[in-house]
Amino acid sequence: MRYCESCKVSVVSGQRTCPLCHSDLADRNDQFEQAFPSAPVSSGAKRKTKLLIYLSIVVVAACVLIDFYTARSGHWPLIAAIGLAYLWLSIRFIRKSRRNIGMLALIQIFGISLLSFAIDSATGYYQWSTNYVIPFVLISAAGLMTAVMIFRPKRFRDYILYQLGISVLGIGMSAFLLWDKSTVMWTGVVGAAYSGLTILGIIIFTPRKTRHELKKRFHF
């Protein structure tokens, strides 16, 4: 057990600085009983993880062999590797943020957008990712957050920043048109318009809550 002379508290964790004042802790020889024993790590979970890693490697290797013997252009191994990387990252973030719908929505926006753009680029870049996938992913995420905020108004302050962030990304889709990364105008216009109307609706219908939450989060 360690002791903080400044705060006059005992710290039973293994850290060497006080969690309150961040000063160095003094060692003490007091014996203590841990109130909550460490939960054992399930060997079954480790076995499943190892199995999934092995299967992922098998899938990529199979794609490489098939592509080699069929004299293809090498797209399928790259697509498989990108898809599996997205799957593993999604599983990891979902485990950490399973109760935070806003964070999950943002993670999926970036994940699906990067995945579709990478596959599109690897297969010749026909711009289907920037023409359709990314705009509709942003519109769907903004619609999901709007529905959550309507049906769960008590969690408004938990989701407002995510909704605003997703809406700003939706408006930013117009940059695809300016940079000639998108050849279908209506998807970008619809996405930007929906996002702009969402922000306008938040400002009109919940001005006080929005202002209060922004001041609290950004300290201005």
Protein backbone atom coordinates (compact mmCIF):
# COMPACT_ATOMS: atom_id res chain seq x y z
CA MET A 1 0.00 0.00 0.00
CA ARG A 2 1.19 3.52 -0.77
CA TYR A 3 0.32 6.80 0.96
CA CYS A 4 -0.03 10.40 -0.27
CA GLU A 5 1.31 12.91 2.24
CA SER A 6 -0.45 15.83 0.52
CA CYS A 7 -3.95 14.36 0.31
CA LYS A 8 -3.65 12.12 3.40
CA VAL A 9 -5.07 9.12 1.57
CA SER A 10 -3.93 5.55 1.04
CA VAL A 11 -3.69 4.18 -2.49
CA VAL A 12 -3.99 0.43 -2.95
CA SER A 13 -3.27 0.29 -6.69
CA GLY A 14 0.14 -0.28 -8.18
CA GLN A 15 0.61 3.30 -9.43
CA ARG A 16 3.38 5.46 -7.98
CA THR A 17 1.67 8.85 -8.19
CA CYS A 18 -1.43 10.09 -6.42
CA PRO A 19 -4.54 10.02 -8.65
CA LEU A 20 -5.73 13.27 -7.02
CA CYS A 21 -2.70 15.56 -6.90
CA HIS A 22 -0.24 13.51 -9.00
CA SER A 23 2.50 13.78 -6.37
CA ASP A 24 4.81 10.85 -5.58
CA LEU A 25 3.43 8.25 -3.20
CA ALA A 26 5.30 7.00 -0.14
CA ASP A 27 5.64 3.26 0.38
CA ARG A 28 4.01 1.72 3.45
CA ASN A 29 4.26 -1.80 4.76
CA ASP A 30 0.58 -2.06 5.71
CA GLN A 31 -1.18 -5.24 4.69
CA PHE A 32 -4.46 -4.90 2.90
CA GLU A 33 -7.05 -7.19 1.39
CA GLN A 34 -8.13 -6.45 -2.14
CA ALA A 35 -11.86 -5.71 -2.08
CA PHE A 36 -12.50 -6.87 -5.63
CA PRO A 37 -10.38 -9.80 -6.83
CA SER A 38 -9.13 -9.69 -10.39
CA ALA A 39 -11.43 -11.42 -12.82
CA PRO A 40 -9.73 -14.36 -14.50
CA VAL A 41 -9.28 -14.08 -18.24
CA SER A 42 -11.33 -16.72 -20.00
CA SER A 43 -9.16 -19.24 -21.81
CA GLY A 44 -12.09 -19.86 -24.16
CA ALA A 45 -12.05 -16.22 -25.30
CA LYS A 46 -8.31 -16.42 -26.00
CA ARG A 47 -8.81 -19.62 -27.96
CA LYS A 48 -11.54 -18.03 -30.07
CA THR A 49 -9.36 -15.00 -30.76
CA LYS A 50 -6.47 -17.18 -31.88
CA LEU A 51 -8.81 -19.20 -34.09
CA LEU A 52 -10.16 -16.04 -35.75
CA ILE A 53 -6.63 -14.74 -36.34
CA TYR A 54 -5.68 -18.06 -37.92
CA LEU A 55 -8.78 -18.07 -40.13
CA SER A 56 -8.03 -14.50 -41.22
CA ILE A 57 -4.54 -15.52 -42.30
CA VAL A 58 -5.96 -18.55 -44.12
CA VAL A 59 -8.45 -16.37 -46.01
CA VAL A 60 -5.76 -13.93 -47.16
CA ALA A 61 -3.42 -16.78 -48.13
CA ALA A 62 -6.20 -18.49 -50.09
CA CYS A 63 -6.93 -15.26 -51.96
CA VAL A 64 -3.24 -14.89 -52.81
CA LEU A 65 -3.06 -18.46 -54.15
CA ILE A 66 -6.26 -18.14 -56.17
CA ASP A 67 -5.12 -14.83 -57.61
CA PHE A 68 -1.71 -16.29 -58.47
CA TYR A 69 -3.04 -19.38 -60.25
CA THR A 70 -5.73 -17.49 -62.12
CA ALA A 71 -3.26 -14.76 -63.20
CA ARG A 72 -5.47 -11.98 -61.90
CA SER A 73 -4.39 -8.43 -61.08
CA GLY A 74 -3.86 -8.89 -57.34
CA HIS A 75 -7.00 -7.08 -56.23
CA TRP A 76 -8.64 -9.87 -54.26
CA PRO A 77 -5.82 -10.42 -51.72
CA LEU A 78 -5.69 -6.67 -51.09
CA ILE A 79 -9.48 -6.44 -50.74
CA ALA A 80 -9.53 -9.40 -48.35
CA ALA A 81 -6.75 -7.91 -46.23
CA ILE A 82 -8.46 -4.51 -46.07
CA GLY A 83 -11.82 -6.08 -45.22
CA LEU A 84 -10.37 -8.23 -42.45
CA ALA A 85 -8.46 -5.26 -41.01
CA TYR A 86 -11.71 -3.29 -40.90
CA LEU A 87 -13.48 -6.24 -39.25
CA TRP A 88 -10.84 -6.59 -36.53
CA LEU A 89 -10.78 -2.86 -35.81
CA SER A 90 -14.58 -2.77 -35.67
CA ILE A 91 -14.69 -5.65 -33.18
CA ARG A 92 -12.11 -3.95 -30.98
CA PHE A 93 -13.91 -0.59 -30.93
CA ILE A 94 -17.33 -2.19 -30.46
CA ARG A 95 -16.08 -3.99 -27.37
CA LYS A 96 -14.81 -0.73 -25.89
CA SER A 97 -17.74 1.51 -26.90
CA ARG A 98 -20.66 -0.91 -27.09
CA ARG A 99 -22.97 1.39 -25.09
CA ASN A 100 -21.98 4.62 -26.81
CA ILE A 101 -24.12 4.77 -29.94
CA GLY A 102 -22.61 8.06 -31.06
CA MET A 103 -19.04 6.78 -30.90
CA LEU A 104 -20.01 3.57 -32.70
CA ALA A 105 -21.67 5.62 -35.45
CA LEU A 106 -18.54 7.73 -35.94
CA ILE A 107 -16.31 4.66 -35.97
CA GLN A 108 -18.47 2.98 -38.61
CA ILE A 109 -18.57 6.15 -40.72
CA PHE A 110 -14.79 6.34 -40.90
CA GLY A 111 -14.36 2.57 -41.17
CA ILE A 112 -16.86 1.98 -43.97
CA SER A 113 -15.76 5.12 -45.82
CA LEU A 114 -12.08 4.18 -45.74
CA LEU A 115 -12.86 0.55 -46.60
CA SER A 116 -15.02 1.44 -49.60
CA PHE A 117 -12.54 4.07 -50.84
CA ALA A 118 -9.62 1.64 -50.51
CA ILE A 119 -11.48 -1.11 -52.40
CA ASP A 120 -12.61 1.37 -55.05
CA SER A 121 -9.04 2.61 -55.50
CA ALA A 122 -7.66 -0.95 -55.64
CA THR A 123 -10.10 -1.97 -58.37
CA GLY A 124 -9.54 0.95 -60.72
CA TYR A 125 -11.31 3.79 -58.89
CA TYR A 126 -14.71 3.98 -60.56
CA GLN A 127 -15.76 6.50 -57.88
CA TRP A 128 -18.67 4.39 -56.58
CA SER A 129 -17.33 4.95 -53.07
CA THR A 130 -17.48 8.75 -53.24
CA ASN A 131 -20.56 8.81 -55.46
CA TYR A 132 -22.81 6.57 -53.38
CA VAL A 133 -21.32 4.70 -50.41
CA ILE A 134 -19.83 7.55 -48.36
CA PRO A 135 -22.79 9.96 -48.86
CA PHE A 136 -25.36 7.31 -47.90
CA VAL A 137 -23.30 6.16 -44.92
CA LEU A 138 -23.23 9.73 -43.59
CA ILE A 139 -26.94 10.25 -44.26
CA SER A 140 -27.78 6.96 -42.50
CA ALA A 141 -25.61 7.82 -39.50
CA ALA A 142 -27.14 11.29 -39.20
CA GLY A 143 -30.62 9.78 -39.46
CA LEU A 144 -29.80 7.21 -36.78
CA MET A 145 -28.53 9.88 -34.38
CA THR A 146 -31.61 12.02 -35.06
CA ALA A 147 -33.90 9.09 -34.23
CA VAL A 148 -31.96 8.28 -31.06
CA MET A 149 -32.16 11.90 -29.87
CA ILE A 150 -35.91 12.03 -30.58
CA PHE A 151 -36.81 8.76 -28.87
CA ARG A 152 -34.29 9.10 -26.04
CA PRO A 153 -34.42 12.82 -25.17
CA LYS A 154 -32.88 12.24 -21.74
CA ARG A 155 -29.63 11.27 -23.48
CA PHE A 156 -29.58 14.47 -25.56
CA ARG A 157 -26.39 15.79 -24.02
CA ASP A 158 -24.62 12.47 -24.67
CA TYR A 159 -25.32 12.55 -28.40
CA ILE A 160 -25.43 16.22 -29.41
CA LEU A 161 -21.71 16.51 -30.20
CA TYR A 162 -21.74 13.32 -32.25
CA GLN A 163 -24.77 14.54 -34.19
CA LEU A 164 -23.12 17.88 -34.90
CA GLY A 165 -19.87 16.18 -35.90
CA ILE A 166 -21.62 13.79 -38.28
CA SER A 167 -23.61 16.67 -39.78
CA VAL A 168 -20.45 18.71 -40.36
CA LEU A 169 -18.92 15.70 -42.13
CA GLY A 170 -22.07 15.47 -44.26
CA ILE A 171 -21.74 19.09 -45.32
CA GLY A 172 -18.07 18.45 -46.05
CA MET A 173 -19.11 15.91 -48.70
CA SER A 174 -19.55 18.82 -51.08
CA ALA A 175 -15.75 18.93 -51.23
CA PHE A 176 -15.87 15.71 -53.29
CA LEU A 177 -17.66 17.65 -56.02
CA LEU A 178 -15.21 20.54 -55.86
CA TRP A 179 -12.20 18.21 -56.08
CA ASP A 180 -13.72 16.10 -58.87
CA LYS A 181 -13.73 13.03 -56.61
CA SER A 182 -17.44 12.53 -57.25
CA THR A 183 -19.29 12.53 -60.56
CA VAL A 184 -22.83 12.13 -59.18
CA MET A 185 -24.00 15.49 -57.92
CA TRP A 186 -27.36 14.63 -56.36
CA THR A 187 -25.98 12.29 -53.66
CA GLY A 188 -23.57 14.93 -52.39
CA VAL A 189 -26.21 17.66 -52.55
CA VAL A 190 -28.78 15.52 -50.69
CA GLY A 191 -26.24 14.58 -48.04
CA ALA A 192 -25.08 18.15 -47.50
CA ALA A 193 -28.67 19.46 -47.46
CA TYR A 194 -29.80 16.84 -44.95
CA SER A 195 -26.84 17.59 -42.70
CA GLY A 196 -27.44 21.34 -42.92
CA LEU A 197 -31.13 20.92 -42.09
CA THR A 198 -30.20 18.72 -39.14
CA ILE A 199 -27.93 21.40 -37.70
CA LEU A 200 -30.61 24.03 -38.33
CA GLY A 201 -33.21 21.87 -36.56
CA ILE A 202 -30.97 21.43 -33.53
CA ILE A 203 -30.41 25.19 -33.31
CA ILE A 204 -34.12 26.02 -33.70
CA PHE A 205 -35.69 23.36 -31.47
CA THR A 206 -33.05 22.97 -28.75
CA PRO A 207 -31.11 26.26 -28.61
CA ARG A 208 -30.62 26.36 -24.84
CA LYS A 209 -29.59 22.73 -24.47
CA THR A 210 -27.22 22.99 -27.42
CA ARG A 211 -25.65 26.22 -26.20
CA HIS A 212 -25.28 24.86 -22.67
CA GLU A 213 -23.68 21.63 -23.85
CA LEU A 214 -21.25 23.39 -26.19
CA LYS A 215 -20.21 25.80 -23.44
CA LYS A 216 -19.69 22.93 -21.02
CA ARG A 217 -17.69 20.82 -23.46
CA PHE A 218 -15.55 23.56 -25.01
CA HIS A 219 -15.37 25.96 -22.03
CA PHE A 220 -16.32 29.18 -23.80
